[in-house]
């Protein structure tokens, strides 16, 4: 009996598991009989496979799942699994595109986004950003050395431990805006919703009742800029002013060249913004947003 090549068989098997269509439509006659026990067995395996991937999405997006409710979240999970089958050995990578998938399901011709539909997308982006921060190299010396970025001797000398003493604040005043760089775990987000306030409310609900499903009321639209970072292995969500967000964004793309500060704020001149950055930089370093640039 002729068998298809292994690559073809593997592709068929993955499609059969995640497509959601009857397995008879994919069953090669020489491998699985349409009415045989094999179809039933493979269907059981397929359901278990889809449920396992859905559990991964629920673990990665608990706030989004609570907000949408189990039935609606399960519906979108099923569609995501069929359209974006797992391609990586790591289940962490599977949920990477879930927020973009939710965005693609939004009405395309609506004059204004419906907050009830748009907020779950923003919340999913926040939750994915938090996961990136937790897994990225941080300011902790062990994290930096494990990633091969620095050796332990150089960690302190390079300024990875923020200096929040008065001397540290003074050193910030003496540095140019481009003498800083963003920390390796920093994630920046701009959203039409107050994500930090929602995240704090959800955490407070969970702390007061660990068994409760944290689902604060849907917030009214309110533009916000936030930074996600990690300090001493604890993830933080920090509110930013618009110019602070744009400055950090410029730093993340900058390679040590002089920054064009006049493009960062319409309310501040370049000289005013340079002074604001000099004063704020010590606080930003203490919050694990920036660190001295290493030559």
Protein backbone atom coordinates (compact mmCIF):
# COMPACT_ATOMS: atom_id res chain seq x y z
CA UNK A 1 0.00 0.00 0.00
CA UNK A 2 1.40 3.36 -1.05
CA UNK A 3 1.72 5.91 1.75
CA UNK A 4 2.02 9.69 1.24
CA UNK A 5 5.31 11.40 2.15
CA UNK A 6 5.81 12.11 5.85
CA UNK A 7 5.64 15.90 5.40
CA UNK A 8 2.29 15.57 3.61
CA UNK A 9 0.99 13.24 6.31
CA UNK A 10 2.09 15.62 9.09
CA UNK A 11 0.43 18.58 7.36
CA UNK A 12 -2.79 16.60 6.95
CA UNK A 13 -2.70 15.46 10.58
CA UNK A 14 -2.26 19.03 11.89
CA UNK A 15 -5.05 20.29 9.63
CA UNK A 16 -7.34 17.47 10.72
CA UNK A 17 -6.71 18.27 14.39
CA UNK A 18 -7.35 21.99 14.29
CA UNK A 19 -9.68 22.62 11.36
CA UNK A 20 -12.92 21.93 13.21
CA UNK A 21 -14.31 20.13 10.14
CA UNK A 22 -15.42 16.48 10.08
CA UNK A 23 -12.35 14.28 9.93
CA UNK A 24 -13.83 12.22 7.08
CA UNK A 25 -13.17 15.18 4.80
CA UNK A 26 -9.44 14.79 5.39
CA UNK A 27 -9.09 11.04 5.82
CA UNK A 28 -6.90 9.41 3.14
CA UNK A 29 -8.67 6.18 2.26
CA UNK A 30 -5.45 4.18 2.51
CA UNK A 31 -4.86 5.36 6.12
CA UNK A 32 -8.28 5.81 7.75
CA UNK A 33 -11.53 4.18 6.75
CA UNK A 34 -14.38 6.75 6.64
CA UNK A 35 -16.62 4.70 8.96
CA UNK A 36 -13.93 2.96 10.99
CA UNK A 37 -12.93 3.35 14.62
CA UNK A 38 -9.92 5.39 13.54
CA UNK A 39 -12.11 8.40 12.75
CA UNK A 40 -13.73 8.31 16.19
CA UNK A 41 -10.36 7.95 17.91
CA UNK A 42 -8.84 10.80 15.96
CA UNK A 43 -11.89 12.96 16.72
CA UNK A 44 -11.32 12.41 20.45
CA UNK A 45 -7.67 13.39 20.04
CA UNK A 46 -8.68 16.44 18.00
CA UNK A 47 -11.09 17.67 20.69
CA UNK A 48 -8.45 17.18 23.39
CA UNK A 49 -5.89 19.05 21.27
CA UNK A 50 -8.21 22.03 20.74
CA UNK A 51 -9.19 22.13 24.43
CA UNK A 52 -5.52 22.13 25.45
CA UNK A 53 -4.76 25.09 23.20
CA UNK A 54 -7.84 26.88 24.54
CA UNK A 55 -6.57 26.32 28.08
CA UNK A 56 -3.29 27.95 27.05
CA UNK A 57 -5.14 31.01 25.74
CA UNK A 58 -7.21 31.21 28.93
CA UNK A 59 -4.00 31.12 30.98
CA UNK A 60 -2.36 33.80 28.83
CA UNK A 61 -5.42 36.09 28.70
CA UNK A 62 -7.31 35.64 32.00
CA UNK A 63 -8.66 39.21 32.16
CA UNK A 64 -9.78 39.12 28.53
CA UNK A 65 -11.47 35.76 29.12
CA UNK A 66 -13.26 37.08 32.21
CA UNK A 67 -14.40 40.21 30.37
CA UNK A 68 -15.73 38.34 27.32
CA UNK A 69 -17.31 35.49 29.28
CA UNK A 70 -16.65 31.77 28.78
CA UNK A 71 -18.90 31.19 25.76
CA UNK A 72 -17.74 34.17 23.69
CA UNK A 73 -14.09 33.65 24.61
CA UNK A 74 -14.36 29.96 23.70
CA UNK A 75 -15.90 30.90 20.34
CA UNK A 76 -13.02 33.22 19.46
CA UNK A 77 -10.47 30.69 20.73
CA UNK A 78 -11.91 28.06 18.39
CA UNK A 79 -11.69 30.37 15.40
CA UNK A 80 -8.15 31.44 16.33
CA UNK A 81 -7.01 27.82 16.68
CA UNK A 82 -8.41 26.98 13.23
CA UNK A 83 -6.94 30.05 11.54
CA UNK A 84 -3.60 30.15 13.39
CA UNK A 85 -2.56 26.59 14.22
CA UNK A 86 0.39 26.14 16.56
CA UNK A 87 3.71 26.28 14.69
CA UNK A 88 6.15 26.35 17.60
CA UNK A 89 7.32 23.74 20.12
CA UNK A 90 6.59 26.34 22.83
CA UNK A 91 2.96 26.87 23.78
CA UNK A 92 3.93 30.39 24.87
CA UNK A 93 4.36 31.36 21.21
CA UNK A 94 0.90 30.10 20.28
CA UNK A 95 -0.99 33.07 21.76
CA UNK A 96 1.29 35.75 20.27
CA UNK A 97 -1.18 36.76 17.55
CA UNK A 98 -4.42 36.51 19.54
CA UNK A 99 -4.85 40.27 20.06
CA UNK A 100 -4.24 40.93 16.35
CA UNK A 101 -6.76 38.21 15.54
CA UNK A 102 -9.37 39.91 17.75
CA UNK A 103 -8.58 43.20 16.01
CA UNK A 104 -9.28 41.63 12.60
CA UNK A 105 -12.73 40.56 13.78
CA UNK A 106 -13.78 44.17 14.46
CA UNK A 107 -16.37 45.80 12.15
CA UNK A 108 -14.43 47.43 9.33
CA UNK A 109 -16.84 50.17 8.22
CA UNK A 110 -18.09 51.44 11.59
CA UNK A 111 -17.79 55.27 11.90
CA UNK A 112 -16.53 54.88 15.47
CA UNK A 113 -15.24 51.78 17.27
CA UNK A 114 -17.71 50.28 19.73
CA UNK A 115 -15.99 50.38 23.17
CA UNK A 116 -17.55 47.03 24.09
CA UNK A 117 -15.82 45.47 21.08
CA UNK A 118 -12.61 47.49 21.07
CA UNK A 119 -11.71 47.18 24.75
CA UNK A 120 -11.12 43.39 24.75
CA UNK A 121 -8.55 43.94 21.98
CA UNK A 122 -6.74 46.58 24.03
CA UNK A 123 -6.88 44.39 27.14
CA UNK A 124 -5.47 41.40 25.23
CA UNK A 125 -2.57 43.57 24.04
CA UNK A 126 -1.89 44.57 27.65
CA UNK A 127 -1.89 40.96 28.84
CA UNK A 128 0.44 39.87 26.05
CA UNK A 129 2.76 42.77 26.86
CA UNK A 130 2.89 41.67 30.50
CA UNK A 131 3.95 38.19 29.40
CA UNK A 132 6.72 39.64 27.23
CA UNK A 133 8.00 41.69 30.16
CA UNK A 134 8.06 38.64 32.43
CA UNK A 135 10.09 36.61 29.94
CA UNK A 136 12.47 39.30 28.67
CA UNK A 137 15.93 40.01 30.13
CA UNK A 138 15.59 42.59 32.90
CA UNK A 139 17.75 44.69 35.17
CA UNK A 140 18.38 41.82 37.54
CA UNK A 141 22.08 40.84 37.15
CA UNK A 142 21.19 37.15 36.95
CA UNK A 143 18.72 37.93 34.15
CA UNK A 144 21.29 39.94 32.22
CA UNK A 145 24.05 37.37 32.56
CA UNK A 146 21.69 34.51 31.67
CA UNK A 147 20.83 36.33 28.46
CA UNK A 148 24.53 36.82 27.72
CA UNK A 149 24.21 40.61 27.74
CA UNK A 150 26.72 41.42 30.47
CA UNK A 151 28.92 39.70 33.00
CA UNK A 152 28.19 40.04 36.70
CA UNK A 153 31.23 42.25 37.33
CA UNK A 154 30.05 44.73 34.71
CA UNK A 155 26.43 44.77 35.90
CA UNK A 156 26.88 47.33 38.64
CA UNK A 157 29.44 49.41 36.78
CA UNK A 158 27.16 49.68 33.76
CA UNK A 159 24.40 51.12 35.91
CA UNK A 160 21.86 48.29 35.77
CA UNK A 161 20.99 48.79 39.44
CA UNK A 162 19.19 52.17 39.50
CA UNK A 163 20.70 54.73 41.86
CA UNK A 164 17.82 56.51 43.63
CA UNK A 165 20.03 58.44 46.04
CA UNK A 166 20.44 62.23 45.76
CA UNK A 167 23.72 61.56 43.94
CA UNK A 168 21.83 59.42 41.45
CA UNK A 169 19.37 62.24 40.84
CA UNK A 170 22.29 64.62 40.29
CA UNK A 171 23.89 62.24 37.81
CA UNK A 172 20.66 62.32 35.83
CA UNK A 173 20.90 66.10 35.55
CA UNK A 174 24.40 65.76 34.12
CA UNK A 175 23.43 63.35 31.35
CA UNK A 176 22.15 64.27 27.91
CA UNK A 177 18.76 62.82 26.86
CA UNK A 178 20.51 60.46 24.41
CA UNK A 179 22.90 59.19 27.12
CA UNK A 180 20.12 56.86 28.30
CA UNK A 181 18.66 53.71 26.77
CA UNK A 182 15.48 51.83 27.54
CA UNK A 183 15.71 48.74 29.71
CA UNK A 184 15.63 45.44 27.78
CA UNK A 185 12.29 44.36 29.28
CA UNK A 186 10.42 47.62 28.59
CA UNK A 187 7.15 47.49 26.64
CA UNK A 188 5.38 50.69 25.59
CA UNK A 189 1.67 50.89 24.84
CA UNK A 190 -0.66 53.61 23.62
CA UNK A 191 -4.36 52.89 24.04
CA UNK A 192 -7.74 54.65 23.72
CA UNK A 193 -8.64 53.17 27.14
CA UNK A 194 -7.32 53.65 30.72
CA UNK A 195 -5.63 50.25 30.82
CA UNK A 196 -3.58 50.83 33.96
CA UNK A 197 -6.65 51.79 36.01
CA UNK A 198 -8.47 48.66 34.80
CA UNK A 199 -5.46 46.45 35.55
CA UNK A 200 -5.17 47.86 39.09
CA UNK A 201 -8.91 47.38 39.70
CA UNK A 202 -8.67 43.77 38.53
CA UNK A 203 -5.69 43.10 40.81
CA UNK A 204 -7.48 44.60 43.80
CA UNK A 205 -10.50 42.39 43.14
CA UNK A 206 -8.26 39.33 42.97
CA UNK A 207 -6.41 40.26 46.17
CA UNK A 208 -9.65 40.76 48.08
CA UNK A 209 -11.07 37.44 46.86
CA UNK A 210 -8.55 35.06 45.24
CA UNK A 211 -11.36 32.76 44.08
CA UNK A 212 -13.26 35.52 42.29
CA UNK A 213 -13.02 36.11 38.54
CA UNK A 214 -11.56 39.64 38.24
CA UNK A 215 -13.84 41.55 35.89
CA UNK A 216 -14.16 45.28 36.66
CA UNK A 217 -16.79 47.31 34.77
CA UNK A 218 -16.00 48.29 31.21
CA UNK A 219 -14.20 51.67 31.37
CA UNK A 220 -15.14 54.70 29.31
CA UNK A 221 -12.71 55.57 26.50
CA UNK A 222 -9.82 57.71 27.73
CA UNK A 223 -6.50 57.88 25.84
CA UNK A 224 -3.54 56.66 27.85
CA UNK A 225 0.15 55.93 27.44
CA UNK A 226 1.66 53.25 29.65
CA UNK A 227 4.95 51.49 30.20
CA UNK A 228 5.29 47.85 31.22
CA UNK A 229 8.54 46.94 32.93
CA UNK A 230 10.02 44.63 35.52
CA UNK A 231 12.05 45.46 38.62
CA UNK A 232 13.36 42.87 41.08
CA UNK A 233 11.28 40.28 39.18
CA UNK A 234 8.05 42.23 39.78
CA UNK A 235 6.08 43.49 36.79
CA UNK A 236 4.91 47.11 36.89
CA UNK A 237 2.38 49.05 34.82
CA UNK A 238 3.17 52.76 34.87
CA UNK A 239 1.21 55.71 33.52
CA UNK A 240 3.20 58.06 31.28
CA UNK A 241 2.70 61.59 30.08
CA UNK A 242 2.61 61.89 26.33
CA UNK A 243 6.10 63.40 26.05
CA UNK A 244 7.53 60.70 28.31
CA UNK A 245 6.02 58.01 26.10
CA UNK A 246 7.42 59.62 22.94
CA UNK A 247 10.84 60.09 24.57
CA UNK A 248 11.05 56.41 25.57
CA UNK A 249 9.84 55.43 22.11
CA UNK A 250 12.58 57.57 20.55
CA UNK A 251 15.18 56.05 22.88
CA UNK A 252 14.16 52.52 21.90
CA UNK A 253 14.89 53.34 18.25
CA UNK A 254 17.97 55.47 18.96
CA UNK A 255 21.53 54.16 18.71
CA UNK A 256 23.28 56.94 20.61
CA UNK A 257 22.74 59.74 18.09
CA UNK A 258 21.47 63.12 19.20
CA UNK A 259 17.70 63.13 19.65
CA UNK A 260 15.42 65.60 17.90
CA UNK A 261 13.52 66.77 20.98
CA UNK A 262 11.30 69.30 19.20
CA UNK A 263 9.39 66.40 17.62
CA UNK A 264 8.40 64.93 21.00
CA UNK A 265 5.99 67.57 22.28
CA UNK A 266 3.94 70.44 20.92
CA UNK A 267 3.58 71.91 24.42
CA UNK A 268 7.32 72.09 25.18
CA UNK A 269 10.24 73.69 23.42
CA UNK A 270 13.36 71.58 22.91
CA UNK A 271 15.09 73.37 25.80
CA UNK A 272 12.12 72.88 28.12
CA UNK A 273 11.87 69.23 27.19
CA UNK A 274 15.58 68.67 27.79
CA UNK A 275 15.16 70.14 31.29
CA UNK A 276 12.08 67.97 31.93
CA UNK A 277 13.98 64.86 30.85
CA UNK A 278 16.97 65.74 33.04
CA UNK A 279 14.73 66.04 36.11
CA UNK A 280 12.62 62.96 35.27
CA UNK A 281 15.48 60.65 34.27
CA UNK A 282 16.41 59.70 37.86
CA UNK A 283 12.80 58.69 38.55
CA UNK A 284 12.60 56.82 35.26
CA UNK A 285 15.80 54.93 36.09
CA UNK A 286 14.47 54.07 39.56
CA UNK A 287 11.30 52.71 37.91
CA UNK A 288 13.35 50.47 35.57
CA UNK A 289 12.31 52.39 32.47
CA UNK A 290 15.77 53.56 31.40
CA UNK A 291 19.41 52.89 32.22
CA UNK A 292 22.68 54.62 31.32
CA UNK A 293 23.70 53.85 27.77
CA UNK A 294 26.59 51.42 27.60
CA UNK A 295 29.15 52.41 24.98
